[in-house]
Each structure stands twice: as structure tokens, then as C-alpha cells.
Amino acid sequence: MPSFDIVSEVEKQEVKNAVEQTNKEVSTRFDFKGSDARVEQAEYVLTVFADDDFKITQVLDVLNNKLIKRGIDIKCIELGKIEKISGNKVKQSITVKTGVETELAKKIVRIIKDSKLKVQASIQGETVRVTGAKRDLLQDAIQLVKKSIGDFPLQFGNFRE
């Protein structure tokens, strides 16, 4: 029976490359001369350090551009609040969301069930597996989910006959 998985994955190496490129650009830019602006990475949590709120937005802008160039959808980035640290320095934490959250997975399953397509959707951890009798039905399900869920980056993989 044909099936496919709906997942949301981000390559950690691409995020690391984007962070390194951001740090390199920030260290060479004239407007950051003498500034302690940088981005640090711990797994899928990024921390942006800067001298003030304006510089944090500038570093975030550079980071977003680098992430886009590396093929990472910035919809999977969740910004934390800006916190003050020693003196006039500030930091902001950024979480790179991976995996389909339970709430979103339930929404996807509900959309597929309400569509009356002859496919079954089940939640398996951080993925949603969709199975059906024919390949065409699965392709219709993919199109339906793409149209319905636009605010979160989803990939459709592990297609099996």
C-alpha cells in the first residue's frame, strides 16, 4: 500500500554554515566596528548578542538572509524576547523548530479526514504518515496539505509504493 510521510526538518549543518557566514559578515562590516555582535549556536538554539536593540535587528537581518540563501525556510524560526545582560549589552534567543508538533499534526490529520479522500493519516512521533490505495490519491493529499498549511514549512518524503 503506497504511503508517504509529512515531516518538518532542518539540516543542522546548513544552520551552522549560515551562522558562521553571519558572524564573518558582521565582523567585517563597518557599522559593527568595535561591537561585540555575534551569533552562537547550540544544536537548534541560536543566541544573538549585540550592543543594543538596533544592532540585534541588523544581525537578525543578516542571519535571515544567510538562512534563506542556504535553503532554510525562515518560517521555522521562533524569536525569543530581547533580554538585557551586563551593562548595555542585549541578547536574543532563537529556536529553530524541527518536527511536526502534536497540535499541527492533529490539524493535518483533521484536514485529510474532512476532505473525504480515501487515504488514512496517522501521527507517528514528529511525523504524519499518510497511506492510500493509489498513488494519485496520495498526490491529491499532498496538494491539499500544501494549500491548507502555509504558515509552517513541511516536507513530503519517504514515498513508498
Protein backbone atom coordinates (compact mmCIF):
# COMPACT_ATOMS: atom_id res chain seq x y z
CA MET A 1 0.00 0.00 0.00
CA PRO A 2 1.57 3.34 -1.04
CA SER A 3 2.45 5.82 1.69
CA PHE A 4 4.43 8.98 2.42
CA ASP A 5 5.49 10.96 5.47
CA ILE A 6 4.84 14.62 6.25
CA VAL A 7 7.81 16.00 8.19
CA SER A 8 9.46 19.29 9.06
CA GLU A 9 13.23 19.01 9.08
CA VAL A 10 16.07 21.50 9.04
CA GLU A 11 19.63 20.45 8.30
CA LYS A 12 21.78 21.32 11.30
CA GLN A 13 24.89 21.70 9.11
CA GLU A 14 23.17 24.31 6.92
CA VAL A 15 22.16 26.27 10.04
CA LYS A 16 25.75 26.09 11.27
CA ASN A 17 27.04 27.33 7.90
CA ALA A 18 24.57 30.24 7.94
CA VAL A 19 25.66 31.18 11.49
CA GLU A 20 29.33 31.11 10.50
CA GLN A 21 28.67 33.24 7.41
CA THR A 22 26.66 35.71 9.54
CA ASN A 23 29.47 36.01 12.09
CA LYS A 24 32.01 36.52 9.31
CA GLU A 25 29.95 39.27 7.65
CA VAL A 26 29.19 41.01 10.96
CA SER A 27 32.89 41.01 11.93
CA THR A 28 33.87 42.69 8.65
CA ARG A 29 31.07 45.26 8.37
CA PHE A 30 31.95 48.87 9.12
CA ASP A 31 28.79 49.61 11.13
CA PHE A 32 29.71 46.82 13.59
CA LYS A 33 33.31 48.08 14.13
CA GLY A 34 34.25 47.72 17.81
CA SER A 35 30.96 45.97 18.55
CA ASP A 36 30.54 42.61 20.24
CA ALA A 37 27.78 41.49 17.84
CA ARG A 38 27.74 37.75 17.14
CA VAL A 39 25.57 34.65 16.83
CA GLU A 40 26.22 31.49 18.86
CA GLN A 41 24.71 28.08 18.15
CA ALA A 42 23.85 25.19 20.45
CA GLU A 43 22.07 22.47 18.44
CA TYR A 44 18.86 24.14 17.19
CA VAL A 45 19.02 27.11 19.58
CA LEU A 46 20.76 30.25 18.36
CA THR A 47 21.68 33.21 20.58
CA VAL A 48 22.28 36.65 19.10
CA PHE A 49 24.43 39.06 21.10
CA ALA A 50 24.75 42.79 20.33
CA ASP A 51 25.29 46.21 21.90
CA ASP A 52 21.69 47.43 21.52
CA ASP A 53 18.28 46.58 20.05
CA PHE A 54 19.07 48.20 16.71
CA LYS A 55 22.20 46.10 16.22
CA ILE A 56 20.30 42.95 17.16
CA THR A 57 17.79 43.63 14.37
CA GLN A 58 20.69 44.24 11.96
CA VAL A 59 22.33 40.91 12.90
CA LEU A 60 18.96 39.12 12.60
CA ASP A 61 18.51 40.60 9.14
CA VAL A 62 21.92 39.28 8.06
CA LEU A 63 21.14 35.87 9.64
CA ASN A 64 17.76 35.63 7.88
CA ASN A 65 19.38 36.40 4.52
CA LYS A 66 22.06 33.75 5.08
CA LEU A 67 19.45 31.16 6.14
CA ILE A 68 17.38 31.85 3.02
CA LYS A 69 20.44 31.54 0.79
CA ARG A 70 21.24 28.18 2.43
CA GLY A 71 17.74 26.90 1.62
CA ILE A 72 16.26 27.09 5.12
CA ASP A 73 12.70 28.35 5.38
CA ILE A 74 12.62 31.15 7.95
CA LYS A 75 9.06 30.21 8.94
CA CYS A 76 10.64 27.56 11.18
CA ILE A 77 12.43 30.22 13.24
CA GLU A 78 10.87 31.34 16.50
CA LEU A 79 12.26 34.52 18.02
CA GLY A 80 12.54 34.86 21.79
CA LYS A 81 12.36 38.15 23.64
CA ILE A 82 15.28 40.55 23.83
CA GLU A 83 16.98 40.37 27.25
CA LYS A 84 19.40 42.82 28.82
CA ILE A 85 22.71 41.42 30.00
CA SER A 86 25.66 43.16 31.68
CA GLY A 87 25.92 46.87 31.02
CA ASN A 88 24.10 47.98 27.90
CA LYS A 89 24.52 44.65 26.04
CA VAL A 90 21.48 42.65 24.92
CA LYS A 91 20.83 39.12 23.70
CA GLN A 92 18.00 37.30 21.98
CA SER A 93 17.45 33.57 21.72
CA ILE A 94 16.14 32.00 18.53
CA THR A 95 14.71 28.49 18.29
CA VAL A 96 14.82 26.58 15.02
CA LYS A 97 11.69 24.42 15.09
CA THR A 98 12.01 20.88 13.75
CA GLY A 99 9.46 18.11 13.64
CA VAL A 100 5.72 18.41 13.26
CA GLU A 101 4.26 19.49 16.60
CA THR A 102 1.35 17.49 18.01
CA GLU A 103 -1.16 20.30 17.50
CA LEU A 104 -0.17 20.78 13.87
CA ALA A 105 -0.16 17.01 13.29
CA LYS A 106 -3.73 16.78 14.61
CA LYS A 107 -4.74 19.65 12.33
CA ILE A 108 -3.21 17.88 9.30
CA VAL A 109 -4.99 14.61 10.15
CA ARG A 110 -8.30 16.51 10.57
CA ILE A 111 -7.85 18.27 7.19
CA ILE A 112 -7.20 14.95 5.45
CA LYS A 113 -10.15 13.22 7.12
CA ASP A 114 -12.52 16.10 6.36
CA SER A 115 -11.51 16.08 2.68
CA LYS A 116 -13.20 12.68 2.16
CA LEU A 117 -10.14 11.40 0.24
CA LYS A 118 -9.73 7.65 0.52
CA VAL A 119 -6.47 7.91 2.46
CA GLN A 120 -5.62 7.39 6.12
CA ALA A 121 -3.41 9.73 8.14
CA SER A 122 -1.77 8.74 11.40
CA ILE A 123 0.57 10.56 13.77
CA GLN A 124 3.87 8.78 14.39
CA GLY A 125 6.02 10.81 16.74
CA GLU A 126 7.03 14.00 14.94
CA THR A 127 5.79 12.83 11.53
CA VAL A 128 2.40 12.22 9.95
CA ARG A 129 2.16 9.08 7.80
CA VAL A 130 -0.43 9.08 5.03
CA THR A 131 -1.39 5.79 3.34
CA GLY A 132 -3.77 5.16 0.50
CA ALA A 133 -4.70 2.61 -2.17
CA LYS A 134 -3.47 4.61 -5.15
CA ARG A 135 -0.59 6.95 -5.84
CA ASP A 136 -2.95 9.57 -7.31
CA LEU A 137 -4.87 9.81 -4.03
CA LEU A 138 -1.61 10.43 -2.15
CA GLN A 139 -0.66 13.18 -4.60
CA ASP A 140 -4.09 14.77 -4.06
CA ALA A 141 -3.48 14.61 -0.30
CA ILE A 142 -0.09 16.34 -0.73
CA GLN A 143 -1.71 19.15 -2.74
CA LEU A 144 -4.46 19.52 -0.13
CA VAL A 145 -1.97 19.82 2.74
CA LYS A 146 0.20 22.28 0.77
CA LYS A 147 -2.83 24.51 0.18
CA SER A 148 -4.13 24.27 3.75
CA ILE A 149 -0.91 24.66 5.76
CA GLY A 150 1.06 27.66 4.56
CA ASP A 151 2.41 29.04 7.82
CA PHE A 152 4.81 26.18 8.64
CA PRO A 153 7.46 24.57 6.40
CA LEU A 154 6.56 20.96 5.62
CA GLN A 155 8.37 18.38 3.53
CA PHE A 156 6.83 15.31 1.96
CA GLY A 157 9.19 12.38 1.89
CA ASN A 158 9.66 8.64 2.29
CA PHE A 159 7.25 7.99 -0.61
CA ARG A 160 6.79 4.22 -0.93
CA GLU A 161 4.89 2.09 -3.38
